[in-house]
Amino acid sequence: MLKDERSLDLMFHALADPSRRMMVDRLSRGPASVSELAKPLAMSLPAVVQHLAVLEQSGLVKTQKVGRVRSCTLDNEAMSRAEQWLHQRRLGWERRLDRLGDFLSADPGVTKTKKT
């Protein structure tokens, strides 16, 4: 498996959980401490730290400890890679749907022959 494919697997696995998506959403507005990320979540601080570990392993989030505070930031490059992958899939789907639309709107007399 290619490194990029493994990276995407880890990213999409991390984003599969609603709590982690909430954390990513919050971090999209700027850096936050672990405590700030934990506030809206109905879970213990150790559980939040475990979720952050999954986000860090996926490459979506980076953390840095300064004194007693661990600050988290979103890695925009990682998000861009996931977005590019989705965009490539969307282009393929749109091309196939366009071809299907062209086929369905084609003159039926051209594609079918009448039996007499």
PDB file of N, CA and C in Angstrom:
ATOM      1  N   MET A   1       0.848  -1.177   0.000  1.00  0.00           N
ATOM      2  CA  MET A   1       0.000   0.000   0.000  1.00  0.00           C
ATOM      3  C   MET A   1       0.891   1.237   0.000  1.00  0.00           C
ATOM      4  N   LEU A   2       0.558   2.202  -0.806  1.00  0.00           N
ATOM      5  CA  LEU A   2       1.326   3.423  -0.889  1.00  0.00           C
ATOM      6  C   LEU A   2       1.172   4.249   0.379  1.00  0.00           C
ATOM      7  N   LYS A   3       2.197   5.065   0.665  1.00  0.00           N
ATOM      8  CA  LYS A   3       2.164   5.913   1.858  1.00  0.00           C
ATOM      9  C   LYS A   3       0.972   6.866   1.826  1.00  0.00           C
ATOM     10  N   ASP A   4       0.688   7.459   0.663  1.00  0.00           N
ATOM     11  CA  ASP A   4      -0.442   8.385   0.544  1.00  0.00           C
ATOM     12  C   ASP A   4      -1.767   7.691   0.805  1.00  0.00           C
ATOM     13  N   GLU A   5      -1.896   6.447   0.320  1.00  0.00           N
ATOM     14  CA  GLU A   5      -3.130   5.692   0.551  1.00  0.00           C
ATOM     15  C   GLU A   5      -3.301   5.401   2.039  1.00  0.00           C
ATOM     16  N   ARG A   6      -2.236   5.016   2.703  1.00  0.00           N
ATOM     17  CA  ARG A   6      -2.285   4.739   4.142  1.00  0.00           C
ATOM     18  C   ARG A   6      -2.643   6.013   4.897  1.00  0.00           C
ATOM     19  N   SER A   7      -2.066   7.122   4.476  1.00  0.00           N
ATOM     20  CA  SER A   7      -2.356   8.410   5.105  1.00  0.00           C
ATOM     21  C   SER A   7      -3.835   8.757   4.970  1.00  0.00           C
ATOM     22  N   LEU A   8      -4.391   8.535   3.778  1.00  0.00           N
ATOM     23  CA  LEU A   8      -5.818   8.794   3.568  1.00  0.00           C
ATOM     24  C   LEU A   8      -6.681   7.859   4.411  1.00  0.00           C
ATOM     25  N   ASP A   9      -6.282   6.602   4.523  1.00  0.00           N
ATOM     26  CA  ASP A   9      -7.017   5.659   5.358  1.00  0.00           C
ATOM     27  C   ASP A   9      -7.089   6.160   6.797  1.00  0.00           C
ATOM     28  N   LEU A  10      -5.959   6.613   7.301  1.00  0.00           N
ATOM     29  CA  LEU A  10      -5.911   7.112   8.678  1.00  0.00           C
ATOM     30  C   LEU A  10      -6.759   8.372   8.841  1.00  0.00           C
ATOM     31  N   MET A  11      -6.718   9.256   7.840  1.00  0.00           N
ATOM     32  CA  MET A  11      -7.513  10.486   7.908  1.00  0.00           C
ATOM     33  C   MET A  11      -9.007  10.189   7.925  1.00  0.00           C
ATOM     34  N   PHE A  12      -9.450   9.344   7.006  1.00  0.00           N
ATOM     35  CA  PHE A  12     -10.880   9.051   6.936  1.00  0.00           C
ATOM     36  C   PHE A  12     -11.336   8.237   8.142  1.00  0.00           C
ATOM     37  N   HIS A  13     -10.463   7.391   8.654  1.00  0.00           N
ATOM     38  CA  HIS A  13     -10.786   6.674   9.898  1.00  0.00           C
ATOM     39  C   HIS A  13     -10.973   7.688  11.034  1.00  0.00           C
ATOM     40  N   ALA A  14     -10.069   8.638  11.124  1.00  0.00           N
ATOM     41  CA  ALA A  14     -10.163   9.659  12.185  1.00  0.00           C
ATOM     42  C   ALA A  14     -11.437  10.478  12.047  1.00  0.00           C
ATOM     43  N   LEU A  15     -11.808  10.804  10.824  1.00  0.00           N
ATOM     44  CA  LEU A  15     -12.988  11.639  10.591  1.00  0.00           C
ATOM     45  C   LEU A  15     -14.296  10.850  10.690  1.00  0.00           C
ATOM     46  N   ALA A  16     -14.209   9.536  10.825  1.00  0.00           N
ATOM     47  CA  ALA A  16     -15.421   8.713  10.912  1.00  0.00           C
ATOM     48  C   ALA A  16     -16.147   8.899  12.243  1.00  0.00           C
ATOM     49  N   ASP A  17     -15.462   9.418  13.237  1.00  0.00           N
ATOM     50  CA  ASP A  17     -16.061   9.584  14.559  1.00  0.00           C
ATOM     51  C   ASP A  17     -16.609  11.004  14.737  1.00  0.00           C
ATOM     52  N   PRO A  18     -17.861  11.146  15.178  1.00  0.00           N
ATOM     53  CA  PRO A  18     -18.463  12.477  15.323  1.00  0.00           C
ATOM     54  C   PRO A  18     -17.736  13.381  16.320  1.00  0.00           C
ATOM     55  N   SER A  19     -17.199  12.811  17.388  1.00  0.00           N
ATOM     56  CA  SER A  19     -16.480  13.639  18.364  1.00  0.00           C
ATOM     57  C   SER A  19     -15.205  14.211  17.750  1.00  0.00           C
ATOM     58  N   ARG A  20     -14.512  13.383  16.983  1.00  0.00           N
ATOM     59  CA  ARG A  20     -13.286  13.874  16.337  1.00  0.00           C
ATOM     60  C   ARG A  20     -13.618  14.918  15.271  1.00  0.00           C
ATOM     61  N   ARG A  21     -14.747  14.720  14.558  1.00  0.00           N
ATOM     62  CA  ARG A  21     -15.155  15.736  13.580  1.00  0.00           C
ATOM     63  C   ARG A  21     -15.466  17.056  14.280  1.00  0.00           C
ATOM     64  N   MET A  22     -16.067  16.989  15.466  1.00  0.00           N
ATOM     65  CA  MET A  22     -16.328  18.219  16.227  1.00  0.00           C
ATOM     66  C   MET A  22     -15.022  18.917  16.591  1.00  0.00           C
ATOM     67  N   MET A  23     -14.015  18.135  16.969  1.00  0.00           N
ATOM     68  CA  MET A  23     -12.713  18.707  17.305  1.00  0.00           C
ATOM     69  C   MET A  23     -12.081  19.369  16.078  1.00  0.00           C
ATOM     70  N   VAL A  24     -12.144  18.683  14.943  1.00  0.00           N
ATOM     71  CA  VAL A  24     -11.591  19.233  13.704  1.00  0.00           C
ATOM     72  C   VAL A  24     -12.340  20.511  13.324  1.00  0.00           C
ATOM     73  N   ASP A  25     -13.653  20.497  13.481  1.00  0.00           N
ATOM     74  CA  ASP A  25     -14.446  21.686  13.185  1.00  0.00           C
ATOM     75  C   ASP A  25     -14.012  22.847  14.068  1.00  0.00           C
ATOM     76  N   ARG A  26     -13.839  22.586  15.354  1.00  0.00           N
ATOM     77  CA  ARG A  26     -13.399  23.651  16.264  1.00  0.00           C
ATOM     78  C   ARG A  26     -12.020  24.153  15.880  1.00  0.00           C
ATOM     79  N   LEU A  27     -11.102  23.241  15.540  1.00  0.00           N
ATOM     80  CA  LEU A  27      -9.742  23.636  15.179  1.00  0.00           C
ATOM     81  C   LEU A  27      -9.682  24.361  13.841  1.00  0.00           C
ATOM     82  N   SER A  28     -10.690  24.200  13.022  1.00  0.00           N
ATOM     83  CA  SER A  28     -10.716  24.932  11.739  1.00  0.00           C
ATOM     84  C   SER A  28     -10.867  26.433  11.982  1.00  0.00           C
ATOM     85  N   ARG A  29     -11.302  26.813  13.170  1.00  0.00           N
ATOM     86  CA  ARG A  29     -11.432  28.231  13.520  1.00  0.00           C
ATOM     87  C   ARG A  29     -10.198  28.779  14.222  1.00  0.00           C
ATOM     88  N   GLY A  30      -9.222  27.909  14.497  1.00  0.00           N
ATOM     89  CA  GLY A  30      -7.982  28.347  15.132  1.00  0.00           C
ATOM     90  C   GLY A  30      -7.529  27.370  16.200  1.00  0.00           C
ATOM     91  N   PRO A  31      -6.309  27.570  16.710  1.00  0.00           N
ATOM     92  CA  PRO A  31      -5.759  26.674  17.729  1.00  0.00           C
ATOM     93  C   PRO A  31      -6.633  26.647  18.987  1.00  0.00           C
ATOM     94  N   ALA A  32      -6.542  25.526  19.699  1.00  0.00           N
ATOM     95  CA  ALA A  32      -7.287  25.378  20.948  1.00  0.00           C
ATOM     96  C   ALA A  32      -6.522  24.444  21.867  1.00  0.00           C
ATOM     97  N   SER A  33      -6.722  24.634  23.155  1.00  0.00           N
ATOM     98  CA  SER A  33      -6.123  23.719  24.131  1.00  0.00           C
ATOM     99  C   SER A  33      -6.983  22.461  24.212  1.00  0.00           C
ATOM    100  N   VAL A  34      -6.413  21.428  24.796  1.00  0.00           N
ATOM    101  CA  VAL A  34      -7.155  20.181  24.972  1.00  0.00           C
ATOM    102  C   VAL A  34      -8.404  20.447  25.820  1.00  0.00           C
ATOM    103  N   SER A  35      -8.271  21.287  26.849  1.00  0.00           N
ATOM    104  CA  SER A  35      -9.421  21.612  27.707  1.00  0.00           C
ATOM    105  C   SER A  35     -10.527  22.293  26.919  1.00  0.00           C
ATOM    106  N   GLU A  36     -10.147  23.202  26.023  1.00  0.00           N
ATOM    107  CA  GLU A  36     -11.154  23.889  25.191  1.00  0.00           C
ATOM    108  C   GLU A  36     -11.871  22.899  24.278  1.00  0.00           C
ATOM    109  N   LEU A  37     -11.124  21.962  23.723  1.00  0.00           N
ATOM    110  CA  LEU A  37     -11.729  20.959  22.847  1.00  0.00           C
ATOM    111  C   LEU A  37     -12.651  20.029  23.632  1.00  0.00           C
ATOM    112  N   ALA A  38     -12.323  19.793  24.891  1.00  0.00           N
ATOM    113  CA  ALA A  38     -13.099  18.866  25.710  1.00  0.00           C
ATOM    114  C   ALA A  38     -14.412  19.467  26.201  1.00  0.00           C
ATOM    115  N   LYS A  39     -14.485  20.789  26.348  1.00  0.00           N
ATOM    116  CA  LYS A  39     -15.666  21.433  26.945  1.00  0.00           C
ATOM    117  C   LYS A  39     -16.998  20.978  26.353  1.00  0.00           C
ATOM    118  N   PRO A  40     -17.201  21.036  25.048  1.00  0.00           N
ATOM    119  CA  PRO A  40     -18.529  20.680  24.523  1.00  0.00           C
ATOM    120  C   PRO A  40     -18.797  19.175  24.431  1.00  0.00           C
ATOM    121  N   LEU A  41     -17.792  18.377  24.723  1.00  0.00           N
ATOM    122  CA  LEU A  41     -17.933  16.927  24.570  1.00  0.00           C
ATOM    123  C   LEU A  41     -18.323  16.269  25.892  1.00  0.00           C
ATOM    124  N   ALA A  42     -19.228  15.330  25.825  1.00  0.00           N
ATOM    125  CA  ALA A  42     -19.684  14.606  27.014  1.00  0.00           C
ATOM    126  C   ALA A  42     -18.799  13.387  27.241  1.00  0.00           C
ATOM    127  N   MET A  43     -17.521  13.646  27.538  1.00  0.00           N
ATOM    128  CA  MET A  43     -16.587  12.553  27.800  1.00  0.00           C
ATOM    129  C   MET A  43     -15.482  13.054  28.716  1.00  0.00           C
ATOM    130  N   SER A  44     -14.756  12.129  29.275  1.00  0.00           N
ATOM    131  CA  SER A  44     -13.667  12.480  30.186  1.00  0.00           C
ATOM    132  C   SER A  44     -12.487  13.074  29.418  1.00  0.00           C
ATOM    133  N   LEU A  45     -11.640  13.779  30.134  1.00  0.00           N
ATOM    134  CA  LEU A  45     -10.443  14.356  29.519  1.00  0.00           C
ATOM    135  C   LEU A  45      -9.531  13.263  28.947  1.00  0.00           C
ATOM    136  N   PRO A  46      -9.337  12.126  29.648  1.00  0.00           N
ATOM    137  CA  PRO A  46      -8.526  11.061  29.043  1.00  0.00           C
ATOM    138  C   PRO A  46      -9.115  10.539  27.719  1.00  0.00           C
ATOM    139  N   ALA A  47     -10.434  10.479  27.616  1.00  0.00           N
ATOM    140  CA  ALA A  47     -11.058  10.044  26.359  1.00  0.00           C
ATOM    141  C   ALA A  47     -10.794  11.054  25.249  1.00  0.00           C
ATOM    142  N   VAL A  48     -10.856  12.345  25.584  1.00  0.00           N
ATOM    143  CA  VAL A  48     -10.555  13.396  24.600  1.00  0.00           C
ATOM    144  C   VAL A  48      -9.116  13.253  24.124  1.00  0.00           C
ATOM    145  N   VAL A  49      -8.210  12.989  25.060  1.00  0.00           N
ATOM    146  CA  VAL A  49      -6.795  12.820  24.710  1.00  0.00           C
ATOM    147  C   VAL A  49      -6.622  11.623  23.770  1.00  0.00           C
ATOM    148  N   GLN A  50      -7.362  10.553  23.993  1.00  0.00           N
ATOM    149  CA  GLN A  50      -7.289   9.387  23.094  1.00  0.00           C
ATOM    150  C   GLN A  50      -7.779   9.746  21.695  1.00  0.00           C
ATOM    151  N   HIS A  51      -8.864  10.512  21.615  1.00  0.00           N
ATOM    152  CA  HIS A  51      -9.365  10.951  20.313  1.00  0.00           C
ATOM    153  C   HIS A  51      -8.335  11.853  19.620  1.00  0.00           C
ATOM    154  N   LEU A  52      -7.712  12.719  20.380  1.00  0.00           N
ATOM    155  CA  LEU A  52      -6.672  13.589  19.802  1.00  0.00           C
ATOM    156  C   LEU A  52      -5.494  12.770  19.291  1.00  0.00           C
ATOM    157  N   ALA A  53      -5.172  11.689  19.981  1.00  0.00           N
ATOM    158  CA  ALA A  53      -4.074  10.826  19.529  1.00  0.00           C
ATOM    159  C   ALA A  53      -4.399  10.239  18.159  1.00  0.00           C
ATOM    160  N   VAL A  54      -5.652   9.849  17.940  1.00  0.00           N
ATOM    161  CA  VAL A  54      -6.067   9.317  16.638  1.00  0.00           C
ATOM    162  C   VAL A  54      -5.933  10.408  15.572  1.00  0.00           C
ATOM    163  N   LEU A  55      -6.369  11.625  15.902  1.00  0.00           N
ATOM    164  CA  LEU A  55      -6.254  12.743  14.953  1.00  0.00           C
ATOM    165  C   LEU A  55      -4.798  13.071  14.653  1.00  0.00           C
ATOM    166  N   GLU A  56      -3.944  12.985  15.666  1.00  0.00           N
ATOM    167  CA  GLU A  56      -2.510  13.238  15.456  1.00  0.00           C
ATOM    168  C   GLU A  56      -1.887  12.163  14.582  1.00  0.00           C
ATOM    169  N   GLN A  57      -2.211  10.888  14.850  1.00  0.00           N
ATOM    170  CA  GLN A  57      -1.660   9.792  14.052  1.00  0.00           C
ATOM    171  C   GLN A  57      -2.085   9.897  12.599  1.00  0.00           C
ATOM    172  N   SER A  58      -3.264  10.448  12.369  1.00  0.00           N
ATOM    173  CA  SER A  58      -3.756  10.597  10.996  1.00  0.00           C
ATOM    174  C   SER A  58      -3.075  11.753  10.275  1.00  0.00           C
ATOM    175  N   GLY A  59      -2.443  12.629  11.038  1.00  0.00           N
ATOM    176  CA  GLY A  59      -1.788  13.787  10.439  1.00  0.00           C
ATOM    177  C   GLY A  59      -2.682  15.004  10.339  1.00  0.00           C
ATOM    178  N   LEU A  60      -3.936  14.886  10.753  1.00  0.00           N
ATOM    179  CA  LEU A  60      -4.865  16.013  10.645  1.00  0.00           C
ATOM    180  C   LEU A  60      -4.617  17.088  11.699  1.00  0.00           C
ATOM    181  N   VAL A  61      -4.116  16.683  12.860  1.00  0.00           N
ATOM    182  CA  VAL A  61      -3.929  17.609  13.973  1.00  0.00           C
ATOM    183  C   VAL A  61      -2.500  17.509  14.482  1.00  0.00           C
ATOM    184  N   LYS A  62      -1.967  18.660  14.863  1.00  0.00           N
ATOM    185  CA  LYS A  62      -0.646  18.720  15.497  1.00  0.00           C
ATOM    186  C   LYS A  62      -0.838  19.302  16.889  1.00  0.00           C
ATOM    187  N   THR A  63      -0.079  18.763  17.845  1.00  0.00           N
ATOM    188  CA  THR A  63      -0.157  19.308  19.192  1.00  0.00           C
ATOM    189  C   THR A  63       1.230  19.736  19.646  1.00  0.00           C
ATOM    190  N   GLN A  64       1.212  20.695  20.557  1.00  0.00           N
ATOM    191  CA  GLN A  64       2.469  21.199  21.103  1.00  0.00           C
ATOM    192  C   GLN A  64       2.217  21.544  22.563  1.00  0.00           C
ATOM    193  N   LYS A  65       3.112  21.086  23.413  1.00  0.00           N
ATOM    194  CA  LYS A  65       2.954  21.361  24.835  1.00  0.00           C
ATOM    195  C   LYS A  65       3.848  22.530  25.214  1.00  0.00           C
ATOM    196  N   VAL A  66       3.226  23.555  25.785  1.00  0.00           N
ATOM    197  CA  VAL A  66       3.961  24.716  26.283  1.00  0.00           C
ATOM    198  C   VAL A  66       3.600  24.850  27.754  1.00  0.00           C
ATOM    199  N   GLY A  67       4.553  24.568  28.624  1.00  0.00           N
ATOM    200  CA  GLY A  67       4.268  24.559  30.050  1.00  0.00           C
ATOM    201  C   GLY A  67       3.328  23.419  30.371  1.00  0.00           C
ATOM    202  N   ARG A  68       2.192  23.764  30.974  1.00  0.00           N
ATOM    203  CA  ARG A  68       1.212  22.737  31.344  1.00  0.00           C
ATOM    204  C   ARG A  68       0.075  22.636  30.338  1.00  0.00           C
ATOM    205  N   VAL A  69       0.127  23.446  29.290  1.00  0.00           N
ATOM    206  CA  VAL A  69      -0.980  23.499  28.325  1.00  0.00           C
ATOM    207  C   VAL A  69      -0.572  22.840  27.017  1.00  0.00           C
ATOM    208  N   ARG A  70      -1.390  21.906  26.564  1.00  0.00           N
ATOM    209  CA  ARG A  70      -1.186  21.289  25.249  1.00  0.00           C
ATOM    210  C   ARG A  70      -2.099  21.993  24.267  1.00  0.00           C
ATOM    211  N   SER A  71      -1.482  22.621  23.273  1.00  0.00           N
ATOM    212  CA  SER A  71      -2.223  23.365  22.257  1.00  0.00           C
ATOM    213  C   SER A  71      -2.316  22.538  20.983  1.00  0.00           C
ATOM    214  N   CYS A  72      -3.487  22.561  20.365  1.00  0.00           N
ATOM    215  CA  CYS A  72      -3.754  21.757  19.164  1.00  0.00           C
ATOM    216  C   CYS A  72      -4.024  22.672  17.980  1.00  0.00           C
ATOM    217  N   THR A  73      -3.522  22.285  16.823  1.00  0.00           N
ATOM    218  CA  THR A  73      -3.787  23.018  15.590  1.00  0.00           C
ATOM    219  C   THR A  73      -4.122  22.020  14.489  1.00  0.00           C
ATOM    220  N   LEU A  74      -4.869  22.495  13.526  1.00  0.00           N
ATOM    221  CA  LEU A  74      -5.242  21.683  12.374  1.00  0.00           C
ATOM    222  C   LEU A  74      -4.135  21.773  11.338  1.00  0.00           C
ATOM    223  N   ASP A  75      -3.771  20.651  10.733  1.00  0.00           N
ATOM    224  CA  ASP A  75      -2.773  20.643   9.663  1.00  0.00           C
ATOM    225  C   ASP A  75      -3.504  20.831   8.339  1.00  0.00           C
ATOM    226  N   ASN A  76      -3.418  22.034   7.809  1.00  0.00           N
ATOM    227  CA  ASN A  76      -4.144  22.377   6.582  1.00  0.00           C
ATOM    228  C   ASN A  76      -3.687  21.564   5.377  1.00  0.00           C
ATOM    229  N   GLU A  77      -2.408  21.192   5.340  1.00  0.00           N
ATOM    230  CA  GLU A  77      -1.912  20.386   4.211  1.00  0.00           C
ATOM    231  C   GLU A  77      -2.579  19.012   4.191  1.00  0.00           C
ATOM    232  N   ALA A  78      -2.733  18.413   5.363  1.00  0.00           N
ATOM    233  CA  ALA A  78      -3.387  17.107   5.439  1.00  0.00           C
ATOM    234  C   ALA A  78      -4.835  17.224   4.992  1.00  0.00           C
ATOM    235  N   MET A  79      -5.513  18.270   5.430  1.00  0.00           N
ATOM    236  CA  MET A  79      -6.901  18.479   5.014  1.00  0.00           C
ATOM    237  C   MET A  79      -6.970  18.678   3.501  1.00  0.00           C
ATOM    238  N   SER A  80      -6.001  19.359   2.944  1.00  0.00           N
ATOM    239  CA  SER A  80      -5.973  19.581   1.490  1.00  0.00           C
ATOM    240  C   SER A  80      -5.816  18.269   0.733  1.00  0.00           C
ATOM    241  N   ARG A  81      -4.996  17.356   1.258  1.00  0.00           N
ATOM    242  CA  ARG A  81      -4.828  16.053   0.588  1.00  0.00           C
ATOM    243  C   ARG A  81      -6.146  15.287   0.568  1.00  0.00           C
ATOM    244  N   ALA A  82      -6.862  15.301   1.676  1.00  0.00           N
ATOM    245  CA  ALA A  82      -8.159  14.620   1.717  1.00  0.00           C
ATOM    246  C   ALA A  82      -9.138  15.295   0.765  1.00  0.00           C
ATOM    247  N   GLU A  83      -9.112  16.613   0.732  1.00  0.00           N
ATOM    248  CA  GLU A  83     -10.001  17.356  -0.162  1.00  0.00           C
ATOM    249  C   GLU A  83      -9.680  17.058  -1.627  1.00  0.00           C
ATOM    250  N   GLN A  84      -8.397  16.987  -1.968  1.00  0.00           N
ATOM    251  CA  GLN A  84      -8.004  16.668  -3.341  1.00  0.00           C
ATOM    252  C   GLN A  84      -8.484  15.276  -3.736  1.00  0.00           C
ATOM    253  N   TRP A  85      -8.361  14.316  -2.835  1.00  0.00           N
ATOM    254  CA  TRP A  85      -8.819  12.960  -3.130  1.00  0.00           C
ATOM    255  C   TRP A  85     -10.316  12.959  -3.401  1.00  0.00           C
ATOM    256  N   LEU A  86     -11.083  13.637  -2.558  1.00  0.00           N
ATOM    257  CA  LEU A  86     -12.532  13.729  -2.758  1.00  0.00           C
ATOM    258  C   LEU A  86     -12.866  14.442  -4.066  1.00  0.00           C
ATOM    259  N   HIS A  87     -12.130  15.499  -4.369  1.00  0.00           N
ATOM    260  CA  HIS A  87     -12.374  16.254  -5.602  1.00  0.00           C
ATOM    261  C   HIS A  87     -12.152  15.367  -6.834  1.00  0.00           C
ATOM    262  N   GLN A  88     -11.093  14.567  -6.818  1.00  0.00           N
ATOM    263  CA  GLN A  88     -10.824  13.671  -7.944  1.00  0.00           C
ATOM    264  C   GLN A  88     -11.955  12.660  -8.118  1.00  0.00           C
ATOM    265  N   ARG A  89     -12.460  12.124  -7.010  1.00  0.00           N
ATOM    266  CA  ARG A  89     -13.587  11.190  -7.091  1.00  0.00           C
ATOM    267  C   ARG A  89     -14.816  11.888  -7.649  1.00  0.00           C
ATOM    268  N   ARG A  90     -15.086  13.112  -7.178  1.00  0.00           N
ATOM    269  CA  ARG A  90     -16.260  13.861  -7.623  1.00  0.00           C
ATOM    270  C   ARG A  90     -16.196  14.129  -9.127  1.00  0.00           C
ATOM    271  N   LEU A  91     -15.021  14.472  -9.642  1.00  0.00           N
ATOM    272  CA  LEU A  91     -14.885  14.707 -11.083  1.00  0.00           C
ATOM    273  C   LEU A  91     -15.235  13.452 -11.877  1.00  0.00           C
ATOM    274  N   GLY A  92     -14.768  12.306 -11.416  1.00  0.00           N
ATOM    275  CA  GLY A  92     -15.089  11.044 -12.103  1.00  0.00           C
ATOM    276  C   GLY A  92     -16.580  10.761 -12.076  1.00  0.00           C
ATOM    277  N   TRP A  93     -17.208  10.976 -10.921  1.00  0.00           N
ATOM    278  CA  TRP A  93     -18.659  10.752 -10.809  1.00  0.00           C
ATOM    279  C   TRP A  93     -19.421  11.684 -11.740  1.00  0.00           C
ATOM    280  N   GLU A  94     -18.999  12.952 -11.776  1.00  0.00           N
ATOM    281  CA  GLU A  94     -19.695  13.921 -12.630  1.00  0.00           C
ATOM    282  C   GLU A  94     -19.561  13.563 -14.100  1.00  0.00           C
ATOM    283  N   ARG A  95     -18.375  13.090 -14.512  1.00  0.00           N
ATOM    284  CA  ARG A  95     -18.186  12.679 -15.913  1.00  0.00           C
ATOM    285  C   ARG A  95     -19.104  11.511 -16.253  1.00  0.00           C
ATOM    286  N   ARG A  96     -19.178  10.541 -15.358  1.00  0.00           N
ATOM    287  CA  ARG A  96     -20.050   9.394 -15.616  1.00  0.00           C
ATOM    288  C   ARG A  96     -21.516   9.806 -15.667  1.00  0.00           C
ATOM    289  N   LEU A  97     -21.920  10.687 -14.776  1.00  0.00           N
ATOM    290  CA  LEU A  97     -23.313  11.155 -14.789  1.00  0.00           C
ATOM    291  C   LEU A  97     -23.608  11.972 -16.047  1.00  0.00           C
ATOM    292  N   ASP A  98     -22.637  12.763 -16.505  1.00  0.00           N
ATOM    293  CA  ASP A  98     -22.813  13.517 -17.750  1.00  0.00           C
ATOM    294  C   ASP A  98     -22.991  12.566 -18.930  1.00  0.00           C
ATOM    295  N   ARG A  99     -22.188  11.505 -18.979  1.00  0.00           N
ATOM    296  CA  ARG A  99     -22.324  10.521 -20.069  1.00  0.00           C
ATOM    297  C   ARG A  99     -23.678   9.833 -20.004  1.00  0.00           C
ATOM    298  N   LEU A 100     -24.127   9.507 -18.806  1.00  0.00           N
ATOM    299  CA  LEU A 100     -25.441   8.893 -18.645  1.00  0.00           C
ATOM    300  C   LEU A 100     -26.530   9.857 -19.102  1.00  0.00           C
ATOM    301  N   GLY A 101     -26.406  11.129 -18.733  1.00  0.00           N
ATOM    302  CA  GLY A 101     -27.378  12.127 -19.167  1.00  0.00           C
ATOM    303  C   GLY A 101     -27.403  12.264 -20.677  1.00  0.00           C
ATOM    304  N   ASP A 102     -26.221  12.268 -21.305  1.00  0.00           N
ATOM    305  CA  ASP A 102     -26.151  12.335 -22.764  1.00  0.00           C
ATOM    306  C   ASP A 102     -26.820  11.126 -23.398  1.00  0.00           C
ATOM    307  N   PHE A 103     -26.576   9.956 -22.834  1.00  0.00           N
ATOM    308  CA  PHE A 103     -27.173   8.732 -23.365  1.00  0.00           C
ATOM    309  C   PHE A 103     -28.699   8.773 -23.239  1.00  0.00           C
ATOM    310  N   LEU A 104     -29.176   9.203 -22.076  1.00  0.00           N
ATOM    311  CA  LEU A 104     -30.625   9.224 -21.845  1.00  0.00           C
ATOM    312  C   LEU A 104     -31.336  10.286 -22.675  1.00  0.00           C
ATOM    313  N   SER A 105     -30.631  11.359 -23.006  1.00  0.00           N
ATOM    314  CA  SER A 105     -31.275  12.419 -23.783  1.00  0.00           C
ATOM    315  C   SER A 105     -31.066  12.255 -25.292  1.00  0.00           C
ATOM    316  N   ALA A 106     -30.341  11.215 -25.701  1.00  0.00           N
ATOM    317  CA  ALA A 106     -30.092  10.977 -27.130  1.00  0.00           C
ATOM    318  C   ALA A 106     -31.399  10.624 -27.836  1.00  0.00           C
ATOM    319  N   ASP A 107     -31.457  10.905 -29.118  1.00  0.00           N
ATOM    320  CA  ASP A 107     -32.630  10.599 -29.943  1.00  0.00           C
ATOM    321  C   ASP A 107     -32.850   9.090 -29.950  1.00  0.00           C
ATOM    322  N   PRO A 108     -34.001   8.632 -29.471  1.00  0.00           N
ATOM    323  CA  PRO A 108     -34.237   7.185 -29.399  1.00  0.00           C
ATOM    324  C   PRO A 108     -34.212   6.515 -30.763  1.00  0.00           C
ATOM    325  N   GLY A 109     -34.496   7.239 -31.825  1.00  0.00           N
ATOM    326  CA  GLY A 109     -34.473   6.655 -33.159  1.00  0.00           C
ATOM    327  C   GLY A 109     -33.072   6.298 -33.593  1.00  0.00           C
ATOM    328  N   VAL A 110     -32.065   6.950 -33.025  1.00  0.00           N
ATOM    329  CA  VAL A 110     -30.676   6.691 -33.394  1.00  0.00           C
ATOM    330  C   VAL A 110     -30.157   5.449 -32.692  1.00  0.00           C
ATOM    331  N   THR A 111     -30.571   5.247 -31.448  1.00  0.00           N
ATOM    332  CA  THR A 111     -30.018   4.122 -30.675  1.00  0.00           C
ATOM    333  C   THR A 111     -30.823   2.850 -30.802  1.00  0.00           C
ATOM    334  N   LYS A 112     -32.084   2.962 -31.199  1.00  0.00           N
ATOM    335  CA  LYS A 112     -32.935   1.773 -31.330  1.00  0.00           C
ATOM    336  C   LYS A 112     -33.418   1.639 -32.755  1.00  0.00           C
ATOM    337  N   THR A 113     -33.602   0.414 -33.189  1.00  0.00           N
ATOM    338  CA  THR A 113     -34.160   0.190 -34.537  1.00  0.00           C
ATOM    339  C   THR A 113     -35.548  -0.375 -34.373  1.00  0.00           C
ATOM    340  N   LYS A 114     -36.421   0.017 -35.284  1.00  0.00           N
ATOM    341  CA  LYS A 114     -37.792  -0.468 -35.242  1.00  0.00           C
ATOM    342  C   LYS A 114     -37.874  -1.811 -35.945  1.00  0.00           C
ATOM    343  N   LYS A 115     -38.661  -2.713 -35.341  1.00  0.00           N
ATOM    344  CA  LYS A 115     -38.902  -4.007 -35.973  1.00  0.00           C
ATOM    345  C   LYS A 115     -40.247  -3.929 -36.671  1.00  0.00           C
ATOM    346  N   THR A 116     -40.295  -4.381 -37.886  1.00  0.00           N
ATOM    347  CA  THR A 116     -41.550  -4.379 -38.662  1.00  0.00           C
ATOM    348  C   THR A 116     -42.049  -5.746 -38.906  1.00  0.00           C
TER     349      THR A 116
END
